[in-house]
Each structure stands twice: as structure tokens, then as C-alpha cells.
């Protein structure tokens, strides 16, 4: 299967490359890596135009023709059905990438399916940061406090006696609350 899409990189296993090119001259090895790079970049077989490919690989046409003959004979490069040059190495890389992509897509679909199936408000809260959960808790405490004050019809710190001026008398120690929540309630009422 030939893919028309290419990734900007490919896996390069050094030990495999050394074993695969051990019997080649430096020029032949350079031509091979250039051909593989061009095939991978295009994601399809490259046209067998020896003069153009020789320029792409940085050698003369005679050296390229001799080298491509070696590669075709030993199977490093093959001719595709449409007459272009192709490599099983590039094909295996494309197949590997497709398999990994298919597995990741399948796993993502399963994960999202389970997420939708088990979705609750608690799950949504679990994804929040601790700071935003703390803010939400304060908001809900504030809302319940406002509801409580509204239901009682007055403030939490009412004066025990009214003075003729309508002012509240000074607080004595029995009116003081040491609880932080009670202090916060007083702030809200005022």
C-alpha cells in the first residue's frame, strides 16, 4: 500500500542501516540515503529519470546508473507497478506510522466513549485546578450565606438594644465570634 502523505521525519535505526549498507561504497551509500529521503518526503515512488535523480543525489549520471543497477539487483530499491522507484524500507515506515495512528485513533474513540458514558458533574469538577475548586467552594458558601440571611429577614449581628439615636451600642465580648466563617458572614451582611 502506498500512501501519498509523508511525515517530516522517519525512524532511523543505526544498527540496521550499518548492516544494510556494510557492503556499499561511500558514494553508493550516499545515493541510497538520498533516494530513500526523496521517496519518504514524497510518500510515493519517484519517477525513474536517471539524469534528474543523479542531480538530486549529487553524482554524475554514469555513477547513478551503475549504482541504481546494484540496488535493483539486490532488492534495496524496487520498481513499483507504475514504473517508479520505491523502497520496502520506506513502505515499512509508512505502514508502521499508519498502524500507530489507527491504534491511537481507536484508543481515543474508546476513551471518549467511556467519558461520555460515565460523565457526571463530579468528573467535570475533578478536571478543575485546586485553585478554581476553592473559588467554587467559596462561591457556594457565599450563596448559601446570602440565602440564610435573606431567609431570617435581617442581619446576623443585630443590636440587643436600640439607642435613641438609632445607633447600635458597642459590642461586648459575648458578641465577638472567633470563627472565621462567622466573621465572613458579618462582612457579607454589612
N, C-alpha and C. Protein backbone atom coordinates (compact mmCIF):
# COMPACT_ATOMS: atom_id res chain seq x y z
N UNK A 1 0.85 -1.19 0.00
CA UNK A 1 0.00 0.00 0.00
C UNK A 1 0.89 1.24 0.00
N UNK A 2 0.63 2.15 -0.88
CA UNK A 2 1.43 3.35 -1.00
C UNK A 2 0.61 4.53 -0.50
N UNK A 3 1.19 5.28 0.41
CA UNK A 3 0.50 6.45 0.97
C UNK A 3 1.01 7.70 0.28
N UNK A 4 0.17 8.67 0.11
CA UNK A 4 0.56 9.92 -0.53
C UNK A 4 0.98 10.99 0.47
N UNK A 5 0.79 10.70 1.76
CA UNK A 5 1.17 11.66 2.79
C UNK A 5 2.49 11.26 3.43
N UNK A 6 3.26 12.23 3.82
CA UNK A 6 4.54 11.93 4.42
C UNK A 6 4.71 12.71 5.72
N UNK A 7 5.43 12.11 6.65
CA UNK A 7 5.79 12.80 7.88
C UNK A 7 7.10 13.53 7.67
N UNK A 8 7.40 14.54 8.45
CA UNK A 8 8.66 15.28 8.26
C UNK A 8 9.88 14.53 8.78
N UNK A 9 9.70 13.34 9.32
CA UNK A 9 10.81 12.57 9.86
C UNK A 9 10.52 11.08 9.67
N UNK A 10 11.53 10.26 9.80
CA UNK A 10 11.34 8.83 9.80
C UNK A 10 12.25 8.20 10.84
N UNK A 11 11.87 7.03 11.31
CA UNK A 11 12.70 6.32 12.28
C UNK A 11 13.97 5.86 11.58
N UNK A 12 15.09 6.03 12.22
CA UNK A 12 16.37 5.65 11.63
C UNK A 12 17.12 4.80 12.65
N UNK A 13 17.18 3.51 12.38
CA UNK A 13 17.86 2.59 13.29
C UNK A 13 19.28 2.40 12.79
N UNK A 14 20.22 2.93 13.54
CA UNK A 14 21.61 2.99 13.11
C UNK A 14 22.18 1.60 12.84
N UNK A 15 21.95 0.64 13.73
CA UNK A 15 22.50 -0.70 13.54
C UNK A 15 21.96 -1.34 12.27
N UNK A 16 20.66 -1.14 12.00
CA UNK A 16 20.07 -1.69 10.77
C UNK A 16 20.69 -1.03 9.53
N UNK A 17 20.87 0.29 9.59
CA UNK A 17 21.45 1.00 8.45
C UNK A 17 22.88 0.53 8.18
N UNK A 18 23.67 0.37 9.22
CA UNK A 18 25.05 -0.09 9.05
C UNK A 18 25.06 -1.49 8.44
N UNK A 19 24.20 -2.37 8.93
CA UNK A 19 24.13 -3.72 8.39
C UNK A 19 23.65 -3.72 6.93
N UNK A 20 22.74 -2.82 6.61
CA UNK A 20 22.14 -2.76 5.28
C UNK A 20 23.10 -2.18 4.25
N UNK A 21 24.02 -1.32 4.70
CA UNK A 21 24.93 -0.63 3.77
C UNK A 21 26.39 -1.06 3.95
N UNK A 22 26.63 -2.10 4.70
CA UNK A 22 28.00 -2.51 5.02
C UNK A 22 28.83 -2.80 3.76
N UNK A 23 28.23 -3.37 2.74
CA UNK A 23 28.96 -3.75 1.53
C UNK A 23 29.00 -2.64 0.47
N UNK A 24 28.47 -1.48 0.78
CA UNK A 24 28.43 -0.39 -0.20
C UNK A 24 29.61 0.56 -0.05
N UNK A 25 29.97 1.20 -1.15
CA UNK A 25 30.96 2.27 -1.12
C UNK A 25 30.27 3.52 -0.56
N UNK A 26 31.06 4.49 -0.18
CA UNK A 26 30.51 5.72 0.40
C UNK A 26 29.58 6.41 -0.58
N UNK A 27 29.94 6.44 -1.85
CA UNK A 27 29.09 7.08 -2.87
C UNK A 27 27.76 6.35 -2.98
N UNK A 28 27.80 5.04 -3.00
CA UNK A 28 26.58 4.24 -3.12
C UNK A 28 25.69 4.43 -1.90
N UNK A 29 26.31 4.46 -0.74
CA UNK A 29 25.54 4.68 0.49
C UNK A 29 24.88 6.06 0.49
N UNK A 30 25.59 7.07 0.00
CA UNK A 30 25.02 8.43 -0.09
C UNK A 30 23.87 8.50 -1.06
N UNK A 31 24.00 7.81 -2.19
CA UNK A 31 22.92 7.79 -3.18
C UNK A 31 21.69 7.11 -2.57
N UNK A 32 21.92 6.00 -1.86
CA UNK A 32 20.79 5.27 -1.26
C UNK A 32 20.04 6.12 -0.24
N UNK A 33 20.75 6.79 0.63
CA UNK A 33 20.06 7.60 1.65
C UNK A 33 19.32 8.76 1.00
N UNK A 34 19.89 9.34 -0.05
CA UNK A 34 19.19 10.42 -0.76
C UNK A 34 17.93 9.91 -1.43
N UNK A 35 18.00 8.75 -2.07
CA UNK A 35 16.80 8.19 -2.71
C UNK A 35 15.71 7.90 -1.67
N UNK A 36 16.12 7.30 -0.56
CA UNK A 36 15.14 6.99 0.49
C UNK A 36 14.52 8.28 1.04
N UNK A 37 15.33 9.30 1.24
CA UNK A 37 14.80 10.57 1.75
C UNK A 37 13.80 11.18 0.77
N UNK A 38 14.10 11.15 -0.51
CA UNK A 38 13.16 11.72 -1.50
C UNK A 38 11.88 10.89 -1.59
N UNK A 39 12.02 9.56 -1.52
CA UNK A 39 10.82 8.71 -1.55
C UNK A 39 9.94 8.99 -0.32
N UNK A 40 10.59 9.10 0.82
CA UNK A 40 9.83 9.34 2.05
C UNK A 40 9.16 10.71 2.02
N UNK A 41 9.87 11.70 1.55
CA UNK A 41 9.29 13.05 1.51
C UNK A 41 8.07 13.10 0.60
N UNK A 42 8.15 12.43 -0.52
CA UNK A 42 7.02 12.42 -1.45
C UNK A 42 5.91 11.48 -1.00
N UNK A 43 6.29 10.39 -0.32
CA UNK A 43 5.30 9.41 0.12
C UNK A 43 4.82 8.53 -1.01
N UNK A 44 5.57 8.48 -2.10
CA UNK A 44 5.21 7.68 -3.26
C UNK A 44 6.47 7.37 -4.06
N UNK A 45 6.39 6.40 -4.99
CA UNK A 45 7.56 6.10 -5.81
C UNK A 45 8.00 7.32 -6.62
N UNK A 46 9.29 7.41 -6.86
CA UNK A 46 9.81 8.53 -7.64
C UNK A 46 10.07 8.05 -9.07
N UNK A 47 9.82 8.94 -10.01
CA UNK A 47 9.99 8.61 -11.44
C UNK A 47 11.44 8.24 -11.71
N UNK A 48 11.63 7.24 -12.55
CA UNK A 48 12.97 6.74 -12.85
C UNK A 48 13.59 7.56 -13.98
N UNK A 49 13.94 8.78 -13.68
CA UNK A 49 14.63 9.68 -14.59
C UNK A 49 16.06 9.80 -14.08
N UNK A 50 16.97 9.03 -14.68
CA UNK A 50 18.33 8.91 -14.14
C UNK A 50 19.08 10.24 -14.09
N UNK A 51 18.92 11.07 -15.10
CA UNK A 51 19.68 12.33 -15.08
C UNK A 51 19.18 13.26 -13.96
N UNK A 52 17.87 13.33 -13.77
CA UNK A 52 17.33 14.17 -12.69
C UNK A 52 17.70 13.59 -11.32
N UNK A 53 17.56 12.29 -11.15
CA UNK A 53 17.88 11.65 -9.87
C UNK A 53 19.38 11.74 -9.57
N UNK A 54 20.21 11.68 -10.59
CA UNK A 54 21.66 11.83 -10.39
C UNK A 54 21.96 13.21 -9.81
N UNK A 55 21.28 14.24 -10.35
CA UNK A 55 21.47 15.60 -9.81
C UNK A 55 20.97 15.70 -8.38
N UNK A 56 19.82 15.08 -8.09
CA UNK A 56 19.28 15.10 -6.72
C UNK A 56 20.23 14.42 -5.73
N UNK A 57 20.92 13.38 -6.20
CA UNK A 57 21.82 12.62 -5.31
C UNK A 57 23.25 13.16 -5.33
N UNK A 58 23.53 14.14 -6.17
CA UNK A 58 24.85 14.76 -6.19
C UNK A 58 25.93 13.92 -6.85
N UNK A 59 25.58 13.22 -7.90
CA UNK A 59 26.58 12.42 -8.62
C UNK A 59 26.32 12.54 -10.12
N UNK A 60 27.22 11.99 -10.91
CA UNK A 60 27.01 12.04 -12.37
C UNK A 60 26.08 10.91 -12.79
N UNK A 61 25.53 10.99 -14.00
CA UNK A 61 24.53 10.04 -14.49
C UNK A 61 25.11 8.63 -14.61
N UNK A 62 26.39 8.52 -14.99
CA UNK A 62 27.01 7.20 -15.16
C UNK A 62 27.11 6.48 -13.80
N UNK A 63 27.56 7.19 -12.77
CA UNK A 63 27.67 6.60 -11.42
C UNK A 63 26.29 6.23 -10.91
N UNK A 64 25.31 7.10 -11.15
CA UNK A 64 23.95 6.82 -10.68
C UNK A 64 23.39 5.57 -11.37
N UNK A 65 23.56 5.47 -12.69
CA UNK A 65 23.03 4.31 -13.43
C UNK A 65 23.66 3.01 -12.93
N UNK A 66 24.96 3.01 -12.68
CA UNK A 66 25.64 1.82 -12.17
C UNK A 66 25.11 1.47 -10.77
N UNK A 67 24.96 2.48 -9.91
CA UNK A 67 24.53 2.27 -8.54
C UNK A 67 23.08 1.82 -8.47
N UNK A 68 22.22 2.41 -9.26
CA UNK A 68 20.80 2.01 -9.23
C UNK A 68 20.66 0.58 -9.72
N UNK A 69 21.51 0.17 -10.64
CA UNK A 69 21.52 -1.23 -11.09
C UNK A 69 21.84 -2.17 -9.93
N UNK A 70 22.82 -1.80 -9.11
CA UNK A 70 23.17 -2.61 -7.92
C UNK A 70 21.98 -2.71 -6.98
N UNK A 71 21.33 -1.57 -6.71
CA UNK A 71 20.20 -1.55 -5.78
C UNK A 71 19.02 -2.36 -6.30
N UNK A 72 18.76 -2.30 -7.60
CA UNK A 72 17.65 -3.06 -8.17
C UNK A 72 17.96 -4.56 -8.13
N UNK A 73 19.20 -4.93 -8.34
CA UNK A 73 19.58 -6.35 -8.32
C UNK A 73 19.48 -6.95 -6.92
N UNK A 74 19.90 -6.23 -5.90
CA UNK A 74 19.89 -6.81 -4.56
C UNK A 74 18.62 -6.50 -3.76
N UNK A 75 17.68 -5.74 -4.33
CA UNK A 75 16.38 -5.52 -3.70
C UNK A 75 16.31 -4.34 -2.75
N UNK A 76 17.36 -3.56 -2.65
CA UNK A 76 17.29 -2.37 -1.78
C UNK A 76 16.30 -1.36 -2.35
N UNK A 77 16.26 -1.28 -3.66
CA UNK A 77 15.30 -0.43 -4.38
C UNK A 77 14.54 -1.35 -5.33
N UNK A 78 13.23 -1.12 -5.47
CA UNK A 78 12.42 -1.93 -6.38
C UNK A 78 11.69 -1.00 -7.35
N UNK A 79 11.24 -1.58 -8.44
CA UNK A 79 10.40 -0.82 -9.37
C UNK A 79 8.94 -1.08 -8.99
N UNK A 80 8.19 -0.01 -8.84
CA UNK A 80 6.78 -0.15 -8.49
C UNK A 80 5.98 -0.49 -9.75
N UNK A 81 4.70 -0.78 -9.56
CA UNK A 81 3.83 -1.14 -10.68
C UNK A 81 3.72 -0.04 -11.72
N UNK A 82 3.83 1.22 -11.28
CA UNK A 82 3.71 2.34 -12.23
C UNK A 82 5.07 2.74 -12.82
N UNK A 83 6.11 1.95 -12.56
CA UNK A 83 7.41 2.20 -13.18
C UNK A 83 8.34 3.09 -12.38
N UNK A 84 7.92 3.56 -11.23
CA UNK A 84 8.76 4.41 -10.41
C UNK A 84 9.66 3.57 -9.50
N UNK A 85 10.59 4.23 -8.85
CA UNK A 85 11.49 3.57 -7.91
C UNK A 85 10.91 3.69 -6.51
N UNK A 86 11.00 2.60 -5.76
CA UNK A 86 10.41 2.54 -4.43
C UNK A 86 11.30 1.70 -3.54
N UNK A 87 11.12 1.84 -2.23
CA UNK A 87 11.91 1.07 -1.27
C UNK A 87 10.98 0.42 -0.26
N UNK A 88 11.26 -0.85 0.04
CA UNK A 88 10.49 -1.54 1.07
C UNK A 88 10.72 -0.90 2.44
N UNK A 89 11.89 -0.31 2.63
CA UNK A 89 12.19 0.38 3.89
C UNK A 89 11.23 1.56 4.10
N UNK A 90 11.00 2.33 3.06
CA UNK A 90 10.07 3.47 3.15
C UNK A 90 8.64 2.96 3.34
N UNK A 91 8.29 1.89 2.62
CA UNK A 91 6.94 1.33 2.75
C UNK A 91 6.69 0.82 4.16
N UNK A 92 7.69 0.16 4.76
CA UNK A 92 7.50 -0.33 6.13
C UNK A 92 7.35 0.82 7.12
N UNK A 93 8.03 1.92 6.88
CA UNK A 93 7.89 3.09 7.75
C UNK A 93 6.49 3.70 7.62
N UNK A 94 5.99 3.78 6.40
CA UNK A 94 4.64 4.31 6.18
C UNK A 94 3.60 3.40 6.82
N UNK A 95 3.78 2.08 6.67
CA UNK A 95 2.85 1.13 7.28
C UNK A 95 2.88 1.23 8.81
N UNK A 96 4.08 1.35 9.36
CA UNK A 96 4.21 1.49 10.83
C UNK A 96 3.47 2.74 11.31
N UNK A 97 3.68 3.85 10.63
CA UNK A 97 3.03 5.10 11.03
C UNK A 97 1.51 4.97 10.96
N UNK A 98 1.01 4.31 9.93
CA UNK A 98 -0.44 4.13 9.79
C UNK A 98 -0.98 3.24 10.90
N UNK A 99 -0.27 2.16 11.24
CA UNK A 99 -0.71 1.28 12.32
C UNK A 99 -0.77 2.01 13.65
N UNK A 100 0.25 2.80 13.94
CA UNK A 100 0.28 3.57 15.19
C UNK A 100 -0.87 4.57 15.21
N UNK A 101 -1.10 5.23 14.10
CA UNK A 101 -2.18 6.21 14.02
C UNK A 101 -3.54 5.54 14.22
N UNK A 102 -3.74 4.38 13.59
CA UNK A 102 -5.01 3.66 13.74
C UNK A 102 -5.23 3.24 15.19
N UNK A 103 -4.18 2.74 15.85
CA UNK A 103 -4.31 2.33 17.25
C UNK A 103 -4.65 3.53 18.13
N UNK A 104 -3.98 4.65 17.90
CA UNK A 104 -4.25 5.84 18.72
C UNK A 104 -5.66 6.35 18.49
N UNK A 105 -6.13 6.31 17.26
CA UNK A 105 -7.49 6.75 16.97
C UNK A 105 -8.51 5.85 17.67
N UNK A 106 -8.26 4.54 17.60
CA UNK A 106 -9.17 3.58 18.24
C UNK A 106 -9.19 3.79 19.76
N UNK A 107 -8.02 3.98 20.36
CA UNK A 107 -7.94 4.22 21.80
C UNK A 107 -8.64 5.51 22.19
N UNK A 108 -8.49 6.54 21.37
CA UNK A 108 -9.15 7.83 21.67
C UNK A 108 -10.66 7.69 21.58
N UNK A 109 -11.14 6.96 20.58
CA UNK A 109 -12.59 6.75 20.46
C UNK A 109 -13.13 6.00 21.68
N UNK A 110 -12.40 4.97 22.11
CA UNK A 110 -12.83 4.22 23.30
C UNK A 110 -12.83 5.11 24.53
N UNK A 111 -11.76 5.92 24.68
CA UNK A 111 -11.66 6.79 25.85
C UNK A 111 -12.78 7.80 25.86
N UNK A 112 -13.08 8.41 24.71
CA UNK A 112 -14.15 9.41 24.67
C UNK A 112 -15.51 8.77 24.83
N UNK A 113 -15.66 7.54 24.33
CA UNK A 113 -16.93 6.83 24.52
C UNK A 113 -17.19 6.55 25.98
N UNK A 114 -16.17 6.11 26.70
CA UNK A 114 -16.31 5.87 28.14
C UNK A 114 -16.55 7.16 28.89
N UNK A 115 -15.88 8.22 28.47
CA UNK A 115 -16.02 9.50 29.14
C UNK A 115 -17.45 10.02 29.02
N UNK A 116 -18.03 9.92 27.82
CA UNK A 116 -19.40 10.38 27.63
C UNK A 116 -20.38 9.50 28.40
N UNK A 117 -20.09 8.22 28.46
CA UNK A 117 -20.97 7.28 29.14
C UNK A 117 -20.96 7.52 30.65
N UNK A 118 -19.82 7.83 31.21
CA UNK A 118 -19.68 7.99 32.65
C UNK A 118 -19.63 9.44 33.09
N UNK A 119 -19.97 10.36 32.23
CA UNK A 119 -19.82 11.78 32.53
C UNK A 119 -20.80 12.22 33.61
N UNK A 120 -20.25 12.86 34.63
CA UNK A 120 -21.07 13.45 35.69
C UNK A 120 -20.47 14.80 36.03
N UNK A 121 -21.19 15.55 36.83
CA UNK A 121 -20.67 16.86 37.24
C UNK A 121 -19.43 16.70 38.11
N UNK A 122 -19.36 15.61 38.86
CA UNK A 122 -18.19 15.36 39.69
C UNK A 122 -16.96 15.21 38.81
N UNK A 123 -17.11 14.54 37.64
CA UNK A 123 -15.99 14.41 36.72
C UNK A 123 -15.52 15.78 36.24
N UNK A 124 -16.46 16.65 35.96
CA UNK A 124 -16.08 17.98 35.49
C UNK A 124 -15.33 18.74 36.57
N UNK A 125 -15.73 18.58 37.82
CA UNK A 125 -15.04 19.25 38.91
C UNK A 125 -13.65 18.67 39.10
N UNK A 126 -13.50 17.39 38.85
CA UNK A 126 -12.19 16.74 39.02
C UNK A 126 -11.16 17.30 38.05
N UNK A 127 -11.60 17.80 36.90
CA UNK A 127 -10.67 18.36 35.93
C UNK A 127 -10.24 19.78 36.27
N UNK A 128 -10.89 20.41 37.24
CA UNK A 128 -10.55 21.77 37.62
C UNK A 128 -9.29 21.76 38.47
N UNK A 129 -8.59 22.87 38.45
CA UNK A 129 -7.42 23.01 39.31
C UNK A 129 -7.88 23.21 40.75
N UNK A 130 -6.97 23.02 41.68
CA UNK A 130 -7.34 23.17 43.09
C UNK A 130 -7.75 24.60 43.40
N UNK A 131 -7.13 25.57 42.71
CA UNK A 131 -7.49 26.97 42.95
C UNK A 131 -8.92 27.25 42.49
N UNK A 132 -9.29 26.75 41.32
CA UNK A 132 -10.64 27.03 40.83
C UNK A 132 -11.68 26.27 41.65
N UNK A 133 -11.33 25.08 42.19
CA UNK A 133 -12.26 24.37 43.08
C UNK A 133 -12.47 25.17 44.35
N UNK A 134 -11.40 25.77 44.89
CA UNK A 134 -11.52 26.57 46.11
C UNK A 134 -12.41 27.79 45.86
N UNK A 135 -12.26 28.42 44.72
CA UNK A 135 -13.10 29.58 44.38
C UNK A 135 -14.55 29.13 44.28
N UNK A 136 -14.82 27.98 43.66
CA UNK A 136 -16.18 27.48 43.54
C UNK A 136 -16.78 27.20 44.92
N UNK A 137 -15.99 26.62 45.82
CA UNK A 137 -16.48 26.35 47.17
C UNK A 137 -16.83 27.64 47.89
N UNK A 138 -15.98 28.67 47.75
CA UNK A 138 -16.28 29.96 48.39
C UNK A 138 -17.55 30.57 47.82
N UNK A 139 -17.73 30.44 46.50
CA UNK A 139 -18.94 30.97 45.88
C UNK A 139 -20.18 30.26 46.42
N UNK A 140 -20.11 28.94 46.55
CA UNK A 140 -21.28 28.22 47.04
C UNK A 140 -21.52 28.56 48.51
N UNK A 141 -20.46 28.73 49.31
CA UNK A 141 -20.63 29.14 50.70
C UNK A 141 -21.28 30.52 50.76
N UNK A 142 -20.83 31.42 49.91
CA UNK A 142 -21.38 32.77 49.87
C UNK A 142 -22.86 32.73 49.47
N UNK A 143 -23.19 31.90 48.48
CA UNK A 143 -24.58 31.80 48.04
C UNK A 143 -25.47 31.26 49.16
N UNK A 144 -24.98 30.25 49.89
CA UNK A 144 -25.80 29.72 50.99
C UNK A 144 -25.93 30.74 52.12
N UNK A 145 -24.89 31.53 52.33
CA UNK A 145 -24.94 32.57 53.35
C UNK A 145 -25.96 33.63 52.99
N UNK A 146 -25.94 34.06 51.73
CA UNK A 146 -26.91 35.06 51.28
C UNK A 146 -28.32 34.52 51.42
N UNK A 147 -28.52 33.25 51.10
CA UNK A 147 -29.85 32.65 51.22
C UNK A 147 -30.28 32.60 52.69
N UNK A 148 -29.35 32.29 53.57
CA UNK A 148 -29.66 32.23 55.01
C UNK A 148 -30.03 33.61 55.54
N UNK A 149 -29.26 34.61 55.20
CA UNK A 149 -29.53 35.97 55.67
C UNK A 149 -30.86 36.46 55.12
N UNK A 150 -31.12 36.16 53.87
CA UNK A 150 -32.39 36.57 53.28
C UNK A 150 -33.57 35.89 53.95
N UNK A 151 -33.40 34.64 54.37
CA UNK A 151 -34.50 33.89 54.98
C UNK A 151 -34.80 34.37 56.39
N UNK A 152 -33.79 34.82 57.13
CA UNK A 152 -34.02 35.27 58.50
C UNK A 152 -34.57 36.69 58.54
N UNK A 153 -34.44 37.41 57.45
CA UNK A 153 -35.01 38.74 57.38
C UNK A 153 -34.18 39.80 58.05
N UNK A 154 -32.97 39.54 58.30
CA UNK A 154 -32.16 40.56 58.95
C UNK A 154 -30.71 40.19 58.97
N UNK A 155 -29.98 40.98 59.69
CA UNK A 155 -28.54 40.75 59.77
C UNK A 155 -28.22 39.75 60.85
N UNK A 156 -27.04 39.25 60.81
CA UNK A 156 -26.60 38.29 61.81
C UNK A 156 -26.12 38.99 63.06
N UNK A 157 -25.79 40.25 62.96
CA UNK A 157 -25.27 41.00 64.10
C UNK A 157 -26.25 42.11 64.45
N UNK A 158 -27.37 41.74 64.98
CA UNK A 158 -28.34 42.76 65.33
C UNK A 158 -28.04 43.28 66.73
N UNK A 159 -28.39 44.51 66.95
CA UNK A 159 -28.16 45.11 68.26
C UNK A 159 -29.15 44.54 69.26
N UNK A 160 -28.67 44.41 70.52
CA UNK A 160 -29.54 43.89 71.55
C UNK A 160 -30.50 44.97 72.03
N UNK A 161 -30.03 46.16 72.01
CA UNK A 161 -30.89 47.26 72.44
C UNK A 161 -30.71 48.39 71.43
N UNK A 162 -31.74 49.13 71.23
CA UNK A 162 -31.64 50.27 70.35
C UNK A 162 -31.41 51.51 71.17
N UNK A 163 -30.53 52.32 70.70
CA UNK A 163 -30.31 53.59 71.38
C UNK A 163 -31.25 54.61 70.77
N UNK A 164 -31.49 55.71 71.46
CA UNK A 164 -32.40 56.73 70.92
C UNK A 164 -31.92 57.28 69.58
N UNK A 165 -30.62 57.28 69.34
CA UNK A 165 -30.12 57.83 68.08
C UNK A 165 -30.26 56.84 66.93
N UNK A 166 -30.64 55.59 67.25
CA UNK A 166 -30.77 54.57 66.21
C UNK A 166 -29.48 53.83 65.94
N UNK A 167 -28.45 54.22 66.68
CA UNK A 167 -27.17 53.54 66.51
C UNK A 167 -27.12 52.29 67.36
N UNK A 168 -26.30 51.40 66.98
CA UNK A 168 -26.11 50.18 67.75
C UNK A 168 -25.15 50.46 68.89
N UNK A 169 -25.37 49.83 70.01
CA UNK A 169 -24.43 50.01 71.12
C UNK A 169 -23.12 49.30 70.79
N UNK A 170 -22.05 49.67 71.46
CA UNK A 170 -20.78 48.99 71.20
C UNK A 170 -20.90 47.50 71.53
N UNK A 171 -20.10 46.71 70.84
CA UNK A 171 -20.13 45.25 71.06
C UNK A 171 -19.43 44.90 72.35
N UNK A 172 -19.96 43.93 73.02
CA UNK A 172 -19.22 43.40 74.17
C UNK A 172 -18.57 42.07 73.76
N UNK A 173 -17.81 41.46 74.64
CA UNK A 173 -17.04 40.27 74.28
C UNK A 173 -17.94 39.08 73.93
N UNK A 174 -19.17 39.06 74.38
CA UNK A 174 -20.06 37.95 74.03
C UNK A 174 -20.50 38.02 72.58
N UNK A 175 -20.43 39.21 71.98
CA UNK A 175 -20.81 39.37 70.59
C UNK A 175 -19.70 38.98 69.62
N UNK A 176 -18.50 38.82 70.10
CA UNK A 176 -17.38 38.52 69.22
C UNK A 176 -17.34 37.04 68.87
N UNK A 177 -17.15 36.78 67.62
CA UNK A 177 -17.03 35.40 67.16
C UNK A 177 -15.58 35.15 66.80
N UNK A 178 -15.13 34.00 67.16
CA UNK A 178 -13.74 33.65 66.84
C UNK A 178 -13.67 32.79 65.58
N UNK A 179 -14.78 32.35 65.12
CA UNK A 179 -14.83 31.51 63.93
C UNK A 179 -14.65 32.38 62.68
N UNK A 180 -13.77 31.98 61.78
CA UNK A 180 -13.54 32.74 60.55
C UNK A 180 -14.79 32.81 59.69
N UNK A 181 -15.56 31.75 59.68
CA UNK A 181 -16.76 31.74 58.86
C UNK A 181 -17.77 32.76 59.39
N UNK A 182 -17.89 32.87 60.70
CA UNK A 182 -18.82 33.84 61.28
C UNK A 182 -18.38 35.26 60.96
N UNK A 183 -17.09 35.49 60.99
CA UNK A 183 -16.57 36.82 60.64
C UNK A 183 -16.89 37.13 59.19
N UNK A 184 -16.73 36.13 58.34
CA UNK A 184 -17.03 36.33 56.92
C UNK A 184 -18.51 36.63 56.72
N UNK A 185 -19.38 35.97 57.50
CA UNK A 185 -20.82 36.22 57.42
C UNK A 185 -21.11 37.67 57.78
N UNK A 186 -20.45 38.19 58.80
CA UNK A 186 -20.67 39.57 59.20
C UNK A 186 -20.26 40.52 58.08
N UNK A 187 -19.18 40.21 57.41
CA UNK A 187 -18.72 41.09 56.32
C UNK A 187 -19.75 41.11 55.19
N UNK A 188 -20.35 39.97 54.92
CA UNK A 188 -21.30 39.87 53.83
C UNK A 188 -22.55 40.68 54.13
N UNK A 189 -22.99 40.65 55.38
CA UNK A 189 -24.24 41.30 55.75
C UNK A 189 -24.09 42.81 55.66
N UNK A 190 -22.96 43.33 55.98
CA UNK A 190 -22.78 44.79 56.02
C UNK A 190 -22.74 45.37 54.69
